[in-house]
């Protein structure tokens, strides 16, 4: 009787574990690290956007150093530009030295990134040259992953590019980009918006719409089923 009981418990445990793994493999998880820093995974690919950066640069967000230790081998790093609150050359060099088969794509490696993304299953990146007044070159990116469209604006102040893209599932945008869109009467066609790159104590005066998440704290998680 006891043996049968143990077998039933084991079978139930295996069933729950297998279903948990299945559910995890059918969603894109996006973890907010700070500023415009994101960690994105579908359980297979590990993507970092605008991370690592210099913690606390220009008075923006700091992050736990354990975040660097948690980076896995074979990760992909994509950067909108190289300002210190988006990019740390020192930290990136250490990652490339200690982690296996990691790949880095800055705003200067647009064609290589787009070509590389096409070699990955159900994953594609399109780069857009966008304006950022304090950067020689700045890119925004549209990531299409398992048929979900994820727009990464970075620091651009101009809403014209995002205004041309239709049916975005998630748009990651700074406050000033939404102000520019409002002033120019540009519609941001996104089901959901994530507001990022805020100062630690920055207040949002306007009302937060239901389809917007404000990213303020490290480890905030967004899950996108597919």
C-alpha atoms as a PDB file:
ATOM      1  CA  UNK A   1       0.000   0.000   0.000  1.00  0.00           C
ATOM      2  CA  UNK A   2       2.817   2.359   0.938  1.00  0.00           C
ATOM      3  CA  UNK A   3       4.650   1.619  -2.324  1.00  0.00           C
ATOM      4  CA  UNK A   4       1.553   2.422  -4.385  1.00  0.00           C
ATOM      5  CA  UNK A   5       1.134   5.671  -2.478  1.00  0.00           C
ATOM      6  CA  UNK A   6       4.724   6.676  -3.238  1.00  0.00           C
ATOM      7  CA  UNK A   7       4.280   5.820  -6.907  1.00  0.00           C
ATOM      8  CA  UNK A   8       1.179   8.000  -7.117  1.00  0.00           C
ATOM      9  CA  UNK A   9       3.009  10.915  -5.480  1.00  0.00           C
ATOM     10  CA  UNK A  10       5.941  10.486  -7.867  1.00  0.00           C
ATOM     11  CA  UNK A  11       3.619  10.411 -10.891  1.00  0.00           C
ATOM     12  CA  UNK A  12       1.809  13.552  -9.721  1.00  0.00           C
ATOM     13  CA  UNK A  13       5.140  15.328  -9.127  1.00  0.00           C
ATOM     14  CA  UNK A  14       6.420  14.450 -12.597  1.00  0.00           C
ATOM     15  CA  UNK A  15       3.144  15.636 -14.131  1.00  0.00           C
ATOM     16  CA  UNK A  16       3.357  18.999 -12.341  1.00  0.00           C
ATOM     17  CA  UNK A  17       7.015  19.497 -13.286  1.00  0.00           C
ATOM     18  CA  UNK A  18       6.402  18.643 -16.946  1.00  0.00           C
ATOM     19  CA  UNK A  19       3.462  21.032 -17.124  1.00  0.00           C
ATOM     20  CA  UNK A  20       5.472  23.787 -15.445  1.00  0.00           C
ATOM     21  CA  UNK A  21       8.253  23.380 -18.008  1.00  0.00           C
ATOM     22  CA  UNK A  22       5.718  23.416 -20.819  1.00  0.00           C
ATOM     23  CA  UNK A  23       4.140  26.641 -19.608  1.00  0.00           C
ATOM     24  CA  UNK A  24       7.551  28.255 -19.270  1.00  0.00           C
ATOM     25  CA  UNK A  25       8.445  27.318 -22.837  1.00  0.00           C
ATOM     26  CA  UNK A  26       5.364  29.105 -24.162  1.00  0.00           C
ATOM     27  CA  UNK A  27       6.036  32.592 -22.895  1.00  0.00           C
ATOM     28  CA  UNK A  28       8.634  35.284 -23.294  1.00  0.00           C
ATOM     29  CA  UNK A  29       9.801  36.596 -19.943  1.00  0.00           C
ATOM     30  CA  UNK A  30      11.243  40.098 -19.767  1.00  0.00           C
ATOM     31  CA  UNK A  31      12.963  41.152 -16.557  1.00  0.00           C
ATOM     32  CA  UNK A  32      13.671  44.820 -15.908  1.00  0.00           C
ATOM     33  CA  UNK A  33      17.187  45.435 -14.592  1.00  0.00           C
ATOM     34  CA  UNK A  34      17.328  49.229 -14.602  1.00  0.00           C
ATOM     35  CA  UNK A  35      17.323  52.255 -16.952  1.00  0.00           C
ATOM     36  CA  UNK A  36      16.732  50.607 -20.361  1.00  0.00           C
ATOM     37  CA  UNK A  37      18.360  47.360 -19.260  1.00  0.00           C
ATOM     38  CA  UNK A  38      16.286  44.251 -19.945  1.00  0.00           C
ATOM     39  CA  UNK A  39      16.832  40.505 -19.738  1.00  0.00           C
ATOM     40  CA  UNK A  40      14.618  38.558 -22.142  1.00  0.00           C
ATOM     41  CA  UNK A  41      14.227  34.799 -22.475  1.00  0.00           C
ATOM     42  CA  UNK A  42      11.888  32.180 -23.887  1.00  0.00           C
ATOM     43  CA  UNK A  43      13.715  29.432 -22.013  1.00  0.00           C
ATOM     44  CA  UNK A  44      16.108  28.865 -24.909  1.00  0.00           C
ATOM     45  CA  UNK A  45      17.479  32.222 -26.057  1.00  0.00           C
ATOM     46  CA  UNK A  46      18.898  34.663 -23.515  1.00  0.00           C
ATOM     47  CA  UNK A  47      18.874  38.273 -24.697  1.00  0.00           C
ATOM     48  CA  UNK A  48      20.164  41.360 -22.876  1.00  0.00           C
ATOM     49  CA  UNK A  49      19.273  44.844 -24.096  1.00  0.00           C
ATOM     50  CA  UNK A  50      21.267  47.897 -22.920  1.00  0.00           C
ATOM     51  CA  UNK A  51      22.929  45.855 -20.195  1.00  0.00           C
ATOM     52  CA  UNK A  52      25.476  45.809 -18.661  1.00  0.00           C
ATOM     53  CA  UNK A  53      25.641  49.539 -18.041  1.00  0.00           C
ATOM     54  CA  UNK A  54      27.541  51.561 -15.433  1.00  0.00           C
ATOM     55  CA  UNK A  55      25.491  51.213 -12.266  1.00  0.00           C
ATOM     56  CA  UNK A  56      24.210  54.607 -11.086  1.00  0.00           C
ATOM     57  CA  UNK A  57      25.579  56.551 -14.076  1.00  0.00           C
ATOM     58  CA  UNK A  58      24.258  60.129 -14.379  1.00  0.00           C
ATOM     59  CA  UNK A  59      22.087  59.634 -11.296  1.00  0.00           C
ATOM     60  CA  UNK A  60      20.005  56.873 -12.889  1.00  0.00           C
ATOM     61  CA  UNK A  61      19.340  53.432 -11.434  1.00  0.00           C
ATOM     62  CA  UNK A  62      21.830  51.176  -9.711  1.00  0.00           C
ATOM     63  CA  UNK A  63      21.583  47.395  -9.927  1.00  0.00           C
ATOM     64  CA  UNK A  64      22.676  44.430  -7.839  1.00  0.00           C
ATOM     65  CA  UNK A  65      26.117  43.200  -8.926  1.00  0.00           C
ATOM     66  CA  UNK A  66      24.771  39.637  -8.668  1.00  0.00           C
ATOM     67  CA  UNK A  67      23.001  40.387 -11.952  1.00  0.00           C
ATOM     68  CA  UNK A  68      26.360  40.169 -13.719  1.00  0.00           C
ATOM     69  CA  UNK A  69      27.182  36.824 -12.078  1.00  0.00           C
ATOM     70  CA  UNK A  70      23.855  35.356 -13.224  1.00  0.00           C
ATOM     71  CA  UNK A  71      24.560  35.891 -16.928  1.00  0.00           C
ATOM     72  CA  UNK A  72      24.508  32.583 -18.790  1.00  0.00           C
ATOM     73  CA  UNK A  73      26.773  31.303 -21.532  1.00  0.00           C
ATOM     74  CA  UNK A  74      25.537  31.854 -25.117  1.00  0.00           C
ATOM     75  CA  UNK A  75      23.793  35.110 -24.204  1.00  0.00           C
ATOM     76  CA  UNK A  76      23.203  37.831 -26.806  1.00  0.00           C
ATOM     77  CA  UNK A  77      23.789  41.501 -25.964  1.00  0.00           C
ATOM     78  CA  UNK A  78      22.124  44.296 -27.948  1.00  0.00           C
ATOM     79  CA  UNK A  79      22.808  47.990 -27.335  1.00  0.00           C
ATOM     80  CA  UNK A  80      20.972  51.082 -28.564  1.00  0.00           C
ATOM     81  CA  UNK A  81      24.067  53.249 -27.970  1.00  0.00           C
ATOM     82  CA  UNK A  82      27.138  53.457 -25.750  1.00  0.00           C
ATOM     83  CA  UNK A  83      26.339  56.090 -23.134  1.00  0.00           C
ATOM     84  CA  UNK A  84      27.344  54.950 -19.653  1.00  0.00           C
ATOM     85  CA  UNK A  85      23.748  54.585 -18.440  1.00  0.00           C
ATOM     86  CA  UNK A  86      23.237  52.025 -21.254  1.00  0.00           C
ATOM     87  CA  UNK A  87      26.645  50.419 -21.710  1.00  0.00           C
ATOM     88  CA  UNK A  88      29.728  49.489 -19.680  1.00  0.00           C
ATOM     89  CA  UNK A  89      32.753  48.536 -21.744  1.00  0.00           C
ATOM     90  CA  UNK A  90      34.560  47.216 -18.659  1.00  0.00           C
ATOM     91  CA  UNK A  91      31.714  44.931 -17.594  1.00  0.00           C
ATOM     92  CA  UNK A  92      31.099  43.787 -21.160  1.00  0.00           C
ATOM     93  CA  UNK A  93      34.739  42.840 -21.675  1.00  0.00           C
ATOM     94  CA  UNK A  94      34.651  40.788 -18.461  1.00  0.00           C
ATOM     95  CA  UNK A  95      31.523  38.968 -19.615  1.00  0.00           C
ATOM     96  CA  UNK A  96      33.047  38.137 -22.992  1.00  0.00           C
ATOM     97  CA  UNK A  97      36.170  36.893 -21.208  1.00  0.00           C
ATOM     98  CA  UNK A  98      34.444  34.668 -18.645  1.00  0.00           C
ATOM     99  CA  UNK A  99      31.266  33.503 -20.385  1.00  0.00           C
ATOM    100  CA  UNK A 100      31.207  31.133 -23.362  1.00  0.00           C
ATOM    101  CA  UNK A 101      29.897  32.006 -26.828  1.00  0.00           C
ATOM    102  CA  UNK A 102      28.338  35.344 -25.909  1.00  0.00           C
ATOM    103  CA  UNK A 103      27.726  37.817 -28.735  1.00  0.00           C
ATOM    104  CA  UNK A 104      27.689  41.627 -28.530  1.00  0.00           C
ATOM    105  CA  UNK A 105      25.960  43.919 -31.030  1.00  0.00           C
ATOM    106  CA  UNK A 106      26.273  47.677 -30.636  1.00  0.00           C
ATOM    107  CA  UNK A 107      24.537  50.334 -32.728  1.00  0.00           C
ATOM    108  CA  UNK A 108      27.486  50.114 -35.134  1.00  0.00           C
ATOM    109  CA  UNK A 109      26.846  46.414 -35.904  1.00  0.00           C
ATOM    110  CA  UNK A 110      23.338  46.731 -37.327  1.00  0.00           C
ATOM    111  CA  UNK A 111      23.764  44.541 -40.408  1.00  0.00           C
ATOM    112  CA  UNK A 112      25.551  41.800 -38.476  1.00  0.00           C
ATOM    113  CA  UNK A 113      22.786  41.767 -35.861  1.00  0.00           C
ATOM    114  CA  UNK A 114      20.001  41.558 -38.441  1.00  0.00           C
ATOM    115  CA  UNK A 115      21.808  38.784 -40.308  1.00  0.00           C
ATOM    116  CA  UNK A 116      22.533  36.855 -37.123  1.00  0.00           C
ATOM    117  CA  UNK A 117      18.936  37.128 -35.905  1.00  0.00           C
ATOM    118  CA  UNK A 118      17.696  35.437 -39.072  1.00  0.00           C
ATOM    119  CA  UNK A 119      19.730  32.363 -38.181  1.00  0.00           C
ATOM    120  CA  UNK A 120      17.782  31.908 -34.943  1.00  0.00           C
ATOM    121  CA  UNK A 121      14.430  30.091 -34.754  1.00  0.00           C
ATOM    122  CA  UNK A 122      11.329  32.302 -34.410  1.00  0.00           C
ATOM    123  CA  UNK A 123      13.476  35.360 -33.737  1.00  0.00           C
ATOM    124  CA  UNK A 124      14.184  38.444 -35.825  1.00  0.00           C
ATOM    125  CA  UNK A 125      15.579  41.913 -35.152  1.00  0.00           C
ATOM    126  CA  UNK A 126      15.119  44.991 -37.314  1.00  0.00           C
ATOM    127  CA  UNK A 127      17.186  48.050 -36.440  1.00  0.00           C
ATOM    128  CA  UNK A 128      16.005  51.627 -36.959  1.00  0.00           C
ATOM    129  CA  UNK A 129      18.338  54.595 -36.956  1.00  0.00           C
ATOM    130  CA  UNK A 130      16.752  57.021 -34.496  1.00  0.00           C
ATOM    131  CA  UNK A 131      17.724  60.422 -33.156  1.00  0.00           C
ATOM    132  CA  UNK A 132      19.319  60.971 -29.781  1.00  0.00           C
ATOM    133  CA  UNK A 133      20.806  64.430 -29.445  1.00  0.00           C
ATOM    134  CA  UNK A 134      23.839  63.387 -27.422  1.00  0.00           C
ATOM    135  CA  UNK A 135      24.883  60.345 -29.467  1.00  0.00           C
ATOM    136  CA  UNK A 136      26.645  60.086 -32.827  1.00  0.00           C
ATOM    137  CA  UNK A 137      24.565  57.023 -33.675  1.00  0.00           C
ATOM    138  CA  UNK A 138      21.541  55.601 -31.906  1.00  0.00           C
ATOM    139  CA  UNK A 139      19.343  52.636 -32.825  1.00  0.00           C
ATOM    140  CA  UNK A 140      15.891  51.525 -31.799  1.00  0.00           C
ATOM    141  CA  UNK A 141      14.913  47.904 -32.422  1.00  0.00           C
ATOM    142  CA  UNK A 142      11.853  45.920 -33.347  1.00  0.00           C
ATOM    143  CA  UNK A 143      12.205  42.363 -32.077  1.00  0.00           C
ATOM    144  CA  UNK A 144       9.775  39.835 -33.540  1.00  0.00           C
ATOM    145  CA  UNK A 145       9.878  36.745 -31.369  1.00  0.00           C
ATOM    146  CA  UNK A 146       7.400  33.872 -31.633  1.00  0.00           C
ATOM    147  CA  UNK A 147       5.261  36.274 -33.705  1.00  0.00           C
ATOM    148  CA  UNK A 148       5.216  38.852 -30.879  1.00  0.00           C
ATOM    149  CA  UNK A 149       6.406  42.359 -31.735  1.00  0.00           C
ATOM    150  CA  UNK A 150       8.533  44.027 -29.060  1.00  0.00           C
ATOM    151  CA  UNK A 151       9.755  47.581 -29.708  1.00  0.00           C
ATOM    152  CA  UNK A 152      12.846  48.850 -27.859  1.00  0.00           C
ATOM    153  CA  UNK A 153      13.152  52.621 -28.171  1.00  0.00           C
ATOM    154  CA  UNK A 154      16.282  53.343 -26.130  1.00  0.00           C
ATOM    155  CA  UNK A 155      16.921  57.077 -25.632  1.00  0.00           C
ATOM    156  CA  UNK A 156      15.415  58.458 -28.819  1.00  0.00           C
ATOM    157  CA  UNK A 157      13.391  61.662 -28.429  1.00  0.00           C
ATOM    158  CA  UNK A 158      11.577  61.339 -31.753  1.00  0.00           C
ATOM    159  CA  UNK A 159       8.310  59.374 -32.028  1.00  0.00           C
ATOM    160  CA  UNK A 160       8.147  59.280 -35.841  1.00  0.00           C
ATOM    161  CA  UNK A 161       9.714  55.808 -36.213  1.00  0.00           C
ATOM    162  CA  UNK A 162       7.543  54.078 -33.627  1.00  0.00           C
ATOM    163  CA  UNK A 163       4.538  55.846 -35.140  1.00  0.00           C
ATOM    164  CA  UNK A 164       5.124  53.989 -38.420  1.00  0.00           C
ATOM    165  CA  UNK A 165       5.072  50.524 -36.856  1.00  0.00           C
ATOM    166  CA  UNK A 166       1.714  48.823 -36.483  1.00  0.00           C
ATOM    167  CA  UNK A 167       0.434  46.097 -34.163  1.00  0.00           C
ATOM    168  CA  UNK A 168       3.201  46.259 -31.573  1.00  0.00           C
ATOM    169  CA  UNK A 169       2.586  43.867 -28.690  1.00  0.00           C
ATOM    170  CA  UNK A 170       4.902  45.604 -26.190  1.00  0.00           C
ATOM    171  CA  UNK A 171       6.609  48.981 -26.601  1.00  0.00           C
ATOM    172  CA  UNK A 172       9.398  49.901 -24.179  1.00  0.00           C
ATOM    173  CA  UNK A 173       9.553  53.694 -24.185  1.00  0.00           C
ATOM    174  CA  UNK A 174      10.862  56.579 -22.045  1.00  0.00           C
ATOM    175  CA  UNK A 175       8.545  59.324 -20.804  1.00  0.00           C
ATOM    176  CA  UNK A 176       9.902  61.935 -23.192  1.00  0.00           C
ATOM    177  CA  UNK A 177       9.083  59.806 -26.251  1.00  0.00           C
ATOM    178  CA  UNK A 178       5.427  59.688 -25.248  1.00  0.00           C
ATOM    179  CA  UNK A 179       5.458  63.472 -24.767  1.00  0.00           C
ATOM    180  CA  UNK A 180       6.869  63.895 -28.271  1.00  0.00           C
ATOM    181  CA  UNK A 181       4.176  61.603 -29.684  1.00  0.00           C
ATOM    182  CA  UNK A 182       1.472  63.595 -27.922  1.00  0.00           C
ATOM    183  CA  UNK A 183       2.829  66.960 -29.113  1.00  0.00           C
ATOM    184  CA  UNK A 184       3.024  65.728 -32.722  1.00  0.00           C
ATOM    185  CA  UNK A 185      -0.290  63.837 -32.554  1.00  0.00           C
ATOM    186  CA  UNK A 186       1.470  60.554 -33.369  1.00  0.00           C
ATOM    187  CA  UNK A 187      -0.302  57.355 -32.374  1.00  0.00           C
ATOM    188  CA  UNK A 188       1.787  54.641 -30.725  1.00  0.00           C
ATOM    189  CA  UNK A 189       0.038  51.495 -31.943  1.00  0.00           C
ATOM    190  CA  UNK A 190       0.953  49.164 -29.066  1.00  0.00           C
ATOM    191  CA  UNK A 191      -1.271  46.816 -27.103  1.00  0.00           C
ATOM    192  CA  UNK A 192       0.923  47.351 -24.041  1.00  0.00           C
ATOM    193  CA  UNK A 193       3.531  49.954 -23.118  1.00  0.00           C
ATOM    194  CA  UNK A 194       6.355  49.730 -20.593  1.00  0.00           C
ATOM    195  CA  UNK A 195       7.626  53.078 -19.337  1.00  0.00           C
ATOM    196  CA  UNK A 196      11.308  52.923 -18.462  1.00  0.00           C
ATOM    197  CA  UNK A 197      14.476  54.979 -17.910  1.00  0.00           C
ATOM    198  CA  UNK A 198      13.151  56.975 -14.971  1.00  0.00           C
ATOM    199  CA  UNK A 199      15.240  58.594 -12.266  1.00  0.00           C
ATOM    200  CA  UNK A 200      14.906  56.763  -8.924  1.00  0.00           C
ATOM    201  CA  UNK A 201      12.632  59.451  -7.414  1.00  0.00           C
ATOM    202  CA  UNK A 202      11.019  60.726 -10.611  1.00  0.00           C
ATOM    203  CA  UNK A 203       7.265  61.267 -10.367  1.00  0.00           C
ATOM    204  CA  UNK A 204       4.746  60.784 -13.158  1.00  0.00           C
ATOM    205  CA  UNK A 205       2.270  63.639 -13.056  1.00  0.00           C
ATOM    206  CA  UNK A 206      -0.165  62.309 -15.652  1.00  0.00           C
ATOM    207  CA  UNK A 207      -2.545  59.391 -15.123  1.00  0.00           C
ATOM    208  CA  UNK A 208      -1.136  55.957 -15.962  1.00  0.00           C
ATOM    209  CA  UNK A 209      -3.345  54.183 -18.538  1.00  0.00           C
ATOM    210  CA  UNK A 210      -4.429  50.572 -17.987  1.00  0.00           C
ATOM    211  CA  UNK A 211      -2.239  49.288 -20.824  1.00  0.00           C
ATOM    212  CA  UNK A 212       0.971  50.714 -19.331  1.00  0.00           C
ATOM    213  CA  UNK A 213       3.438  49.277 -16.828  1.00  0.00           C
ATOM    214  CA  UNK A 214       5.843  51.675 -15.104  1.00  0.00           C
ATOM    215  CA  UNK A 215       9.256  50.050 -14.627  1.00  0.00           C
ATOM    216  CA  UNK A 216      10.849  51.418 -11.486  1.00  0.00           C
ATOM    217  CA  UNK A 217      12.216  48.444  -9.561  1.00  0.00           C
ATOM    218  CA  UNK A 218      14.883  45.918 -10.479  1.00  0.00           C
ATOM    219  CA  UNK A 219      13.444  42.455 -11.177  1.00  0.00           C
ATOM    220  CA  UNK A 220      10.000  43.637 -12.313  1.00  0.00           C
ATOM    221  CA  UNK A 221       8.782  40.902 -14.652  1.00  0.00           C
ATOM    222  CA  UNK A 222       6.689  40.999 -17.811  1.00  0.00           C
ATOM    223  CA  UNK A 223       5.385  37.721 -19.254  1.00  0.00           C
ATOM    224  CA  UNK A 224       4.219  37.483 -22.877  1.00  0.00           C
ATOM    225  CA  UNK A 225       2.407  34.234 -23.719  1.00  0.00           C
ATOM    226  CA  UNK A 226       2.669  32.937 -27.261  1.00  0.00           C
END
